[in-house]
Amino acid sequence: MAQHARLTIDAGVQVYFCDPQSPWQRGTNENTNGLLRQYFPKGTDLSAHSAEEIAAVAAALNSRPRKTLHWKTPAEALDEWLR
């Protein structure tokens, strides 16, 4: 992300960069990749899927409670953070 400094200032969001080839530093990202693989196996050409299909997968994943969010869904956590 080229404008990470601006994001930090404008939104007050901390930006963290993991070391290359260190998946243990980004566990939530790796877990989400695994969840996505349930719908789209590795190497899947996403252009073969409609926007509606991809939106349905996003909605399913965003409505799934996560331990890292204290068993809230990502949508609930985002709504709470935005309030």
PDB file of N, CA and C in Angstrom:
ATOM      1  N   MET A   1       0.859  -1.174   0.000  1.00  0.00           N
ATOM      2  CA  MET A   1       0.000   0.000   0.000  1.00  0.00           C
ATOM      3  C   MET A   1       0.900   1.231   0.000  1.00  0.00           C
ATOM      4  N   ALA A   2       0.896   1.950  -1.074  1.00  0.00           N
ATOM      5  CA  ALA A   2       1.805   3.068  -1.250  1.00  0.00           C
ATOM      6  C   ALA A   2       1.469   4.251  -0.354  1.00  0.00           C
ATOM      7  N   GLN A   3       0.221   4.413   0.036  1.00  0.00           N
ATOM      8  CA  GLN A   3      -0.173   5.581   0.823  1.00  0.00           C
ATOM      9  C   GLN A   3      -0.496   5.201   2.267  1.00  0.00           C
ATOM     10  N   HIS A   4       0.274   4.265   2.834  1.00  0.00           N
ATOM     11  CA  HIS A   4      -0.002   3.817   4.192  1.00  0.00           C
ATOM     12  C   HIS A   4       0.169   4.933   5.220  1.00  0.00           C
ATOM     13  N   ALA A   5       1.101   5.845   5.000  1.00  0.00           N
ATOM     14  CA  ALA A   5       1.294   6.942   5.950  1.00  0.00           C
ATOM     15  C   ALA A   5       0.059   7.851   5.972  1.00  0.00           C
ATOM     16  N   ARG A   6      -0.500   8.114   4.814  1.00  0.00           N
ATOM     17  CA  ARG A   6      -1.701   8.948   4.745  1.00  0.00           C
ATOM     18  C   ARG A   6      -2.883   8.254   5.427  1.00  0.00           C
ATOM     19  N   LEU A   7      -3.031   6.947   5.212  1.00  0.00           N
ATOM     20  CA  LEU A   7      -4.098   6.191   5.846  1.00  0.00           C
ATOM     21  C   LEU A   7      -3.962   6.272   7.369  1.00  0.00           C
ATOM     22  N   THR A   8      -2.747   6.134   7.860  1.00  0.00           N
ATOM     23  CA  THR A   8      -2.507   6.209   9.302  1.00  0.00           C
ATOM     24  C   THR A   8      -2.934   7.561   9.853  1.00  0.00           C
ATOM     25  N   ILE A   9      -2.605   8.608   9.145  1.00  0.00           N
ATOM     26  CA  ILE A   9      -2.950   9.961   9.602  1.00  0.00           C
ATOM     27  C   ILE A   9      -4.442  10.242   9.434  1.00  0.00           C
ATOM     28  N   ASP A  10      -4.983   9.986   8.246  1.00  0.00           N
ATOM     29  CA  ASP A  10      -6.381  10.314   7.944  1.00  0.00           C
ATOM     30  C   ASP A  10      -7.386   9.483   8.734  1.00  0.00           C
ATOM     31  N   ALA A  11      -7.134   8.198   8.861  1.00  0.00           N
ATOM     32  CA  ALA A  11      -8.107   7.308   9.495  1.00  0.00           C
ATOM     33  C   ALA A  11      -7.697   6.878  10.901  1.00  0.00           C
ATOM     34  N   GLY A  12      -6.466   7.182  11.281  1.00  0.00           N
ATOM     35  CA  GLY A  12      -5.996   6.767  12.590  1.00  0.00           C
ATOM     36  C   GLY A  12      -5.813   5.262  12.694  1.00  0.00           C
ATOM     37  N   VAL A  13      -5.547   4.617  11.559  1.00  0.00           N
ATOM     38  CA  VAL A  13      -5.391   3.167  11.517  1.00  0.00           C
ATOM     39  C   VAL A  13      -3.899   2.841  11.505  1.00  0.00           C
ATOM     40  N   GLN A  14      -3.485   1.959  12.406  1.00  0.00           N
ATOM     41  CA  GLN A  14      -2.097   1.503  12.416  1.00  0.00           C
ATOM     42  C   GLN A  14      -1.871   0.566  11.231  1.00  0.00           C
ATOM     43  N   VAL A  15      -0.743   0.702  10.565  1.00  0.00           N
ATOM     44  CA  VAL A  15      -0.395  -0.163   9.443  1.00  0.00           C
ATOM     45  C   VAL A  15       0.799  -1.014   9.864  1.00  0.00           C
ATOM     46  N   TYR A  16       0.698  -2.311   9.658  1.00  0.00           N
ATOM     47  CA  TYR A  16       1.753  -3.247  10.026  1.00  0.00           C
ATOM     48  C   TYR A  16       2.174  -4.011   8.790  1.00  0.00           C
ATOM     49  N   PHE A  17       3.466  -4.087   8.546  1.00  0.00           N
ATOM     50  CA  PHE A  17       3.986  -4.838   7.413  1.00  0.00           C
ATOM     51  C   PHE A  17       4.671  -6.090   7.923  1.00  0.00           C
ATOM     52  N   CYS A  18       4.203  -7.245   7.471  1.00  0.00           N
ATOM     53  CA  CYS A  18       4.810  -8.522   7.840  1.00  0.00           C
ATOM     54  C   CYS A  18       6.080  -8.733   7.033  1.00  0.00           C
ATOM     55  N   ASP A  19       6.951  -9.561   7.579  1.00  0.00           N
ATOM     56  CA  ASP A  19       8.150  -9.944   6.840  1.00  0.00           C
ATOM     57  C   ASP A  19       7.754 -10.894   5.708  1.00  0.00           C
ATOM     58  N   PRO A  20       8.461 -10.829   4.570  1.00  0.00           N
ATOM     59  CA  PRO A  20       8.152 -11.740   3.468  1.00  0.00           C
ATOM     60  C   PRO A  20       8.305 -13.197   3.897  1.00  0.00           C
ATOM     61  N   GLN A  21       7.459 -14.061   3.371  1.00  0.00           N
ATOM     62  CA  GLN A  21       7.480 -15.498   3.624  1.00  0.00           C
ATOM     63  C   GLN A  21       7.415 -15.823   5.117  1.00  0.00           C
ATOM     64  N   SER A  22       6.553 -15.088   5.835  1.00  0.00           N
ATOM     65  CA  SER A  22       6.357 -15.310   7.272  1.00  0.00           C
ATOM     66  C   SER A  22       4.863 -15.401   7.572  1.00  0.00           C
ATOM     67  N   PRO A  23       4.209 -16.491   7.138  1.00  0.00           N
ATOM     68  CA  PRO A  23       2.758 -16.584   7.295  1.00  0.00           C
ATOM     69  C   PRO A  23       2.303 -16.553   8.749  1.00  0.00           C
ATOM     70  N   TRP A  24       3.157 -16.938   9.708  1.00  0.00           N
ATOM     71  CA  TRP A  24       2.775 -16.912  11.116  1.00  0.00           C
ATOM     72  C   TRP A  24       2.555 -15.484  11.617  1.00  0.00           C
ATOM     73  N   GLN A  25       3.034 -14.478  10.890  1.00  0.00           N
ATOM     74  CA  GLN A  25       2.843 -13.085  11.281  1.00  0.00           C
ATOM     75  C   GLN A  25       1.495 -12.538  10.823  1.00  0.00           C
ATOM     76  N   ARG A  26       0.787 -13.286  10.018  1.00  0.00           N
ATOM     77  CA  ARG A  26      -0.507 -12.834   9.501  1.00  0.00           C
ATOM     78  C   ARG A  26      -1.519 -13.980   9.546  1.00  0.00           C
ATOM     79  N   GLY A  27      -1.737 -14.467  10.750  1.00  0.00           N
ATOM     80  CA  GLY A  27      -2.592 -15.635  10.950  1.00  0.00           C
ATOM     81  C   GLY A  27      -4.022 -15.450  10.460  1.00  0.00           C
ATOM     82  N   THR A  28      -4.615 -14.295  10.746  1.00  0.00           N
ATOM     83  CA  THR A  28      -5.993 -14.057  10.316  1.00  0.00           C
ATOM     84  C   THR A  28      -6.091 -14.063   8.791  1.00  0.00           C
ATOM     85  N   ASN A  29      -5.096 -13.481   8.137  1.00  0.00           N
ATOM     86  CA  ASN A  29      -5.072 -13.478   6.674  1.00  0.00           C
ATOM     87  C   ASN A  29      -4.966 -14.894   6.133  1.00  0.00           C
ATOM     88  N   GLU A  30      -4.092 -15.698   6.720  1.00  0.00           N
ATOM     89  CA  GLU A  30      -3.925 -17.081   6.271  1.00  0.00           C
ATOM     90  C   GLU A  30      -5.196 -17.887   6.514  1.00  0.00           C
ATOM     91  N   ASN A  31      -5.862 -17.662   7.645  1.00  0.00           N
ATOM     92  CA  ASN A  31      -7.118 -18.350   7.935  1.00  0.00           C
ATOM     93  C   ASN A  31      -8.183 -17.965   6.907  1.00  0.00           C
ATOM     94  N   THR A  32      -8.266 -16.695   6.590  1.00  0.00           N
ATOM     95  CA  THR A  32      -9.248 -16.230   5.606  1.00  0.00           C
ATOM     96  C   THR A  32      -8.963 -16.830   4.229  1.00  0.00           C
ATOM     97  N   ASN A  33      -7.690 -16.933   3.881  1.00  0.00           N
ATOM     98  CA  ASN A  33      -7.342 -17.586   2.610  1.00  0.00           C
ATOM     99  C   ASN A  33      -7.851 -19.025   2.593  1.00  0.00           C
ATOM    100  N   GLY A  34      -7.710 -19.719   3.715  1.00  0.00           N
ATOM    101  CA  GLY A  34      -8.211 -21.091   3.808  1.00  0.00           C
ATOM    102  C   GLY A  34      -9.714 -21.158   3.646  1.00  0.00           C
ATOM    103  N   LEU A  35     -10.418 -20.201   4.256  1.00  0.00           N
ATOM    104  CA  LEU A  35     -11.874 -20.159   4.112  1.00  0.00           C
ATOM    105  C   LEU A  35     -12.269 -19.898   2.654  1.00  0.00           C
ATOM    106  N   LEU A  36     -11.549 -19.009   1.996  1.00  0.00           N
ATOM    107  CA  LEU A  36     -11.835 -18.724   0.585  1.00  0.00           C
ATOM    108  C   LEU A  36     -11.604 -19.951  -0.293  1.00  0.00           C
ATOM    109  N   ARG A  37     -10.615 -20.773   0.071  1.00  0.00           N
ATOM    110  CA  ARG A  37     -10.312 -21.982  -0.710  1.00  0.00           C
ATOM    111  C   ARG A  37     -11.470 -22.978  -0.659  1.00  0.00           C
ATOM    112  N   GLN A  38     -12.341 -22.875   0.351  1.00  0.00           N
ATOM    113  CA  GLN A  38     -13.512 -23.757   0.392  1.00  0.00           C
ATOM    114  C   GLN A  38     -14.454 -23.452  -0.771  1.00  0.00           C
ATOM    115  N   TYR A  39     -14.424 -22.225  -1.229  1.00  0.00           N
ATOM    116  CA  TYR A  39     -15.297 -21.796  -2.323  1.00  0.00           C
ATOM    117  C   TYR A  39     -14.561 -21.756  -3.663  1.00  0.00           C
ATOM    118  N   PHE A  40     -13.306 -21.329  -3.611  1.00  0.00           N
ATOM    119  CA  PHE A  40     -12.501 -21.158  -4.825  1.00  0.00           C
ATOM    120  C   PHE A  40     -11.161 -21.862  -4.632  1.00  0.00           C
ATOM    121  N   PRO A  41     -11.004 -23.062  -5.157  1.00  0.00           N
ATOM    122  CA  PRO A  41      -9.728 -23.763  -5.003  1.00  0.00           C
ATOM    123  C   PRO A  41      -8.563 -22.936  -5.558  1.00  0.00           C
ATOM    124  N   LYS A  42      -7.378 -23.191  -5.039  1.00  0.00           N
ATOM    125  CA  LYS A  42      -6.191 -22.465  -5.482  1.00  0.00           C
ATOM    126  C   LYS A  42      -6.058 -22.560  -6.997  1.00  0.00           C
ATOM    127  N   GLY A  43      -5.772 -21.448  -7.627  1.00  0.00           N
ATOM    128  CA  GLY A  43      -5.624 -21.402  -9.076  1.00  0.00           C
ATOM    129  C   GLY A  43      -6.912 -21.118  -9.819  1.00  0.00           C
ATOM    130  N   THR A  44      -8.022 -20.942  -9.091  1.00  0.00           N
ATOM    131  CA  THR A  44      -9.307 -20.666  -9.723  1.00  0.00           C
ATOM    132  C   THR A  44      -9.263 -19.322 -10.443  1.00  0.00           C
ATOM    133  N   ASP A  45      -9.773 -19.289 -11.643  1.00  0.00           N
ATOM    134  CA  ASP A  45      -9.900 -18.040 -12.394  1.00  0.00           C
ATOM    135  C   ASP A  45     -11.182 -17.354 -11.924  1.00  0.00           C
ATOM    136  N   LEU A  46     -11.037 -16.312 -11.124  1.00  0.00           N
ATOM    137  CA  LEU A  46     -12.210 -15.644 -10.568  1.00  0.00           C
ATOM    138  C   LEU A  46     -13.048 -14.944 -11.630  1.00  0.00           C
ATOM    139  N   SER A  47     -12.463 -14.676 -12.806  1.00  0.00           N
ATOM    140  CA  SER A  47     -13.247 -14.037 -13.858  1.00  0.00           C
ATOM    141  C   SER A  47     -14.322 -14.990 -14.404  1.00  0.00           C
ATOM    142  N   ALA A  48     -14.209 -16.272 -14.082  1.00  0.00           N
ATOM    143  CA  ALA A  48     -15.218 -17.245 -14.508  1.00  0.00           C
ATOM    144  C   ALA A  48     -16.462 -17.201 -13.615  1.00  0.00           C
ATOM    145  N   HIS A  49     -16.379 -16.433 -12.519  1.00  0.00           N
ATOM    146  CA  HIS A  49     -17.496 -16.324 -11.576  1.00  0.00           C
ATOM    147  C   HIS A  49     -18.133 -14.942 -11.691  1.00  0.00           C
ATOM    148  N   SER A  50     -19.428 -14.906 -11.525  1.00  0.00           N
ATOM    149  CA  SER A  50     -20.132 -13.626 -11.615  1.00  0.00           C
ATOM    150  C   SER A  50     -19.884 -12.794 -10.360  1.00  0.00           C
ATOM    151  N   ALA A  51     -20.144 -11.509 -10.487  1.00  0.00           N
ATOM    152  CA  ALA A  51     -20.023 -10.616  -9.336  1.00  0.00           C
ATOM    153  C   ALA A  51     -20.984 -11.043  -8.234  1.00  0.00           C
ATOM    154  N   GLU A  52     -22.131 -11.568  -8.617  1.00  0.00           N
ATOM    155  CA  GLU A  52     -23.114 -12.026  -7.632  1.00  0.00           C
ATOM    156  C   GLU A  52     -22.592 -13.227  -6.848  1.00  0.00           C
ATOM    157  N   GLU A  53     -21.931 -14.159  -7.535  1.00  0.00           N
ATOM    158  CA  GLU A  53     -21.360 -15.332  -6.855  1.00  0.00           C
ATOM    159  C   GLU A  53     -20.284 -14.905  -5.861  1.00  0.00           C
ATOM    160  N   ILE A  54     -19.426 -14.008  -6.280  1.00  0.00           N
ATOM    161  CA  ILE A  54     -18.346 -13.538  -5.406  1.00  0.00           C
ATOM    162  C   ILE A  54     -18.922 -12.755  -4.232  1.00  0.00           C
ATOM    163  N   ALA A  55     -19.944 -11.945  -4.487  1.00  0.00           N
ATOM    164  CA  ALA A  55     -20.595 -11.198  -3.401  1.00  0.00           C
ATOM    165  C   ALA A  55     -21.256 -12.149  -2.403  1.00  0.00           C
ATOM    166  N   ALA A  56     -21.809 -13.248  -2.883  1.00  0.00           N
ATOM    167  CA  ALA A  56     -22.440 -14.232  -1.996  1.00  0.00           C
ATOM    168  C   ALA A  56     -21.397 -14.885  -1.086  1.00  0.00           C
ATOM    169  N   VAL A  57     -20.224 -15.184  -1.632  1.00  0.00           N
ATOM    170  CA  VAL A  57     -19.145 -15.750  -0.819  1.00  0.00           C
ATOM    171  C   VAL A  57     -18.687 -14.728   0.210  1.00  0.00           C
ATOM    172  N   ALA A  58     -18.523 -13.484  -0.206  1.00  0.00           N
ATOM    173  CA  ALA A  58     -18.121 -12.421   0.727  1.00  0.00           C
ATOM    174  C   ALA A  58     -19.145 -12.274   1.851  1.00  0.00           C
ATOM    175  N   ALA A  59     -20.410 -12.316   1.508  1.00  0.00           N
ATOM    176  CA  ALA A  59     -21.466 -12.199   2.523  1.00  0.00           C
ATOM    177  C   ALA A  59     -21.423 -13.387   3.485  1.00  0.00           C
ATOM    178  N   ALA A  60     -21.192 -14.579   2.958  1.00  0.00           N
ATOM    179  CA  ALA A  60     -21.112 -15.771   3.814  1.00  0.00           C
ATOM    180  C   ALA A  60     -19.937 -15.663   4.781  1.00  0.00           C
ATOM    181  N   LEU A  61     -18.788 -15.236   4.281  1.00  0.00           N
ATOM    182  CA  LEU A  61     -17.611 -15.116   5.146  1.00  0.00           C
ATOM    183  C   LEU A  61     -17.752 -13.965   6.142  1.00  0.00           C
ATOM    184  N   ASN A  62     -18.372 -12.880   5.726  1.00  0.00           N
ATOM    185  CA  ASN A  62     -18.542 -11.731   6.616  1.00  0.00           C
ATOM    186  C   ASN A  62     -19.623 -11.952   7.669  1.00  0.00           C
ATOM    187  N   SER A  63     -20.406 -13.005   7.517  1.00  0.00           N
ATOM    188  CA  SER A  63     -21.429 -13.307   8.521  1.00  0.00           C
ATOM    189  C   SER A  63     -21.013 -14.492   9.398  1.00  0.00           C
ATOM    190  N   ARG A  64     -19.784 -14.935   9.250  1.00  0.00           N
ATOM    191  CA  ARG A  64     -19.257 -16.060  10.037  1.00  0.00           C
ATOM    192  C   ARG A  64     -18.502 -15.529  11.258  1.00  0.00           C
ATOM    193  N   PRO A  65     -18.912 -15.908  12.467  1.00  0.00           N
ATOM    194  CA  PRO A  65     -18.221 -15.425  13.672  1.00  0.00           C
ATOM    195  C   PRO A  65     -16.759 -15.868  13.687  1.00  0.00           C
ATOM    196  N   ARG A  66     -15.896 -14.994  14.229  1.00  0.00           N
ATOM    197  CA  ARG A  66     -14.464 -15.281  14.295  1.00  0.00           C
ATOM    198  C   ARG A  66     -13.964 -15.177  15.731  1.00  0.00           C
ATOM    199  N   LYS A  67     -13.165 -16.141  16.127  1.00  0.00           N
ATOM    200  CA  LYS A  67     -12.596 -16.149  17.471  1.00  0.00           C
ATOM    201  C   LYS A  67     -11.782 -14.882  17.721  1.00  0.00           C
ATOM    202  N   THR A  68     -11.014 -14.434  16.718  1.00  0.00           N
ATOM    203  CA  THR A  68     -10.171 -13.248  16.875  1.00  0.00           C
ATOM    204  C   THR A  68     -10.991 -11.976  17.081  1.00  0.00           C
ATOM    205  N   LEU A  69     -12.272 -12.030  16.768  1.00  0.00           N
ATOM    206  CA  LEU A  69     -13.166 -10.874  16.954  1.00  0.00           C
ATOM    207  C   LEU A  69     -14.094 -11.106  18.151  1.00  0.00           C
ATOM    208  N   HIS A  70     -13.672 -11.976  19.078  1.00  0.00           N
ATOM    209  CA  HIS A  70     -14.483 -12.301  20.260  1.00  0.00           C
ATOM    210  C   HIS A  70     -15.852 -12.843  19.843  1.00  0.00           C
ATOM    211  N   TRP A  71     -15.839 -13.681  18.827  1.00  0.00           N
ATOM    212  CA  TRP A  71     -17.009 -14.379  18.291  1.00  0.00           C
ATOM    213  C   TRP A  71     -18.043 -13.448  17.665  1.00  0.00           C
ATOM    214  N   LYS A  72     -17.608 -12.254  17.281  1.00  0.00           N
ATOM    215  CA  LYS A  72     -18.459 -11.382  16.458  1.00  0.00           C
ATOM    216  C   LYS A  72     -18.168 -11.725  15.005  1.00  0.00           C
ATOM    217  N   THR A  73     -19.085 -11.364  14.143  1.00  0.00           N
ATOM    218  CA  THR A  73     -18.827 -11.510  12.710  1.00  0.00           C
ATOM    219  C   THR A  73     -17.988 -10.312  12.266  1.00  0.00           C
ATOM    220  N   PRO A  74     -17.259 -10.426  11.155  1.00  0.00           N
ATOM    221  CA  PRO A  74     -16.530  -9.265  10.646  1.00  0.00           C
ATOM    222  C   PRO A  74     -17.459  -8.066  10.413  1.00  0.00           C
ATOM    223  N   ALA A  75     -18.669  -8.320   9.934  1.00  0.00           N
ATOM    224  CA  ALA A  75     -19.615  -7.224   9.699  1.00  0.00           C
ATOM    225  C   ALA A  75     -19.980  -6.534  11.014  1.00  0.00           C
ATOM    226  N   GLU A  76     -20.224  -7.330  12.062  1.00  0.00           N
ATOM    227  CA  GLU A  76     -20.554  -6.751  13.374  1.00  0.00           C
ATOM    228  C   GLU A  76     -19.380  -5.943  13.923  1.00  0.00           C
ATOM    229  N   ALA A  77     -18.176  -6.485  13.795  1.00  0.00           N
ATOM    230  CA  ALA A  77     -16.991  -5.789  14.296  1.00  0.00           C
ATOM    231  C   ALA A  77     -16.780  -4.471  13.548  1.00  0.00           C
ATOM    232  N   LEU A  78     -16.976  -4.484  12.241  1.00  0.00           N
ATOM    233  CA  LEU A  78     -16.831  -3.252  11.463  1.00  0.00           C
ATOM    234  C   LEU A  78     -17.886  -2.234  11.862  1.00  0.00           C
ATOM    235  N   ASP A  79     -19.126  -2.671  11.982  1.00  0.00           N
ATOM    236  CA  ASP A  79     -20.192  -1.749  12.400  1.00  0.00           C
ATOM    237  C   ASP A  79     -19.880  -1.125  13.746  1.00  0.00           C
ATOM    238  N   GLU A  80     -19.412  -1.951  14.684  1.00  0.00           N
ATOM    239  CA  GLU A  80     -19.074  -1.451  16.013  1.00  0.00           C
ATOM    240  C   GLU A  80     -17.921  -0.448  15.943  1.00  0.00           C
ATOM    241  N   TRP A  81     -16.902  -0.756  15.138  1.00  0.00           N
ATOM    242  CA  TRP A  81     -15.764   0.141  15.007  1.00  0.00           C
ATOM    243  C   TRP A  81     -16.168   1.469  14.359  1.00  0.00           C
ATOM    244  N   LEU A  82     -17.078   1.428  13.397  1.00  0.00           N
ATOM    245  CA  LEU A  82     -17.497   2.641  12.709  1.00  0.00           C
ATOM    246  C   LEU A  82     -18.373   3.552  13.596  1.00  0.00           C
ATOM    247  N   ARG A  83     -19.022   2.986  14.605  1.00  0.00           N
ATOM    248  CA  ARG A  83     -19.851   3.797  15.511  1.00  0.00           C
ATOM    249  C   ARG A  83     -19.002   4.554  16.419  1.00  0.00           C
TER     250      ARG A  83
END
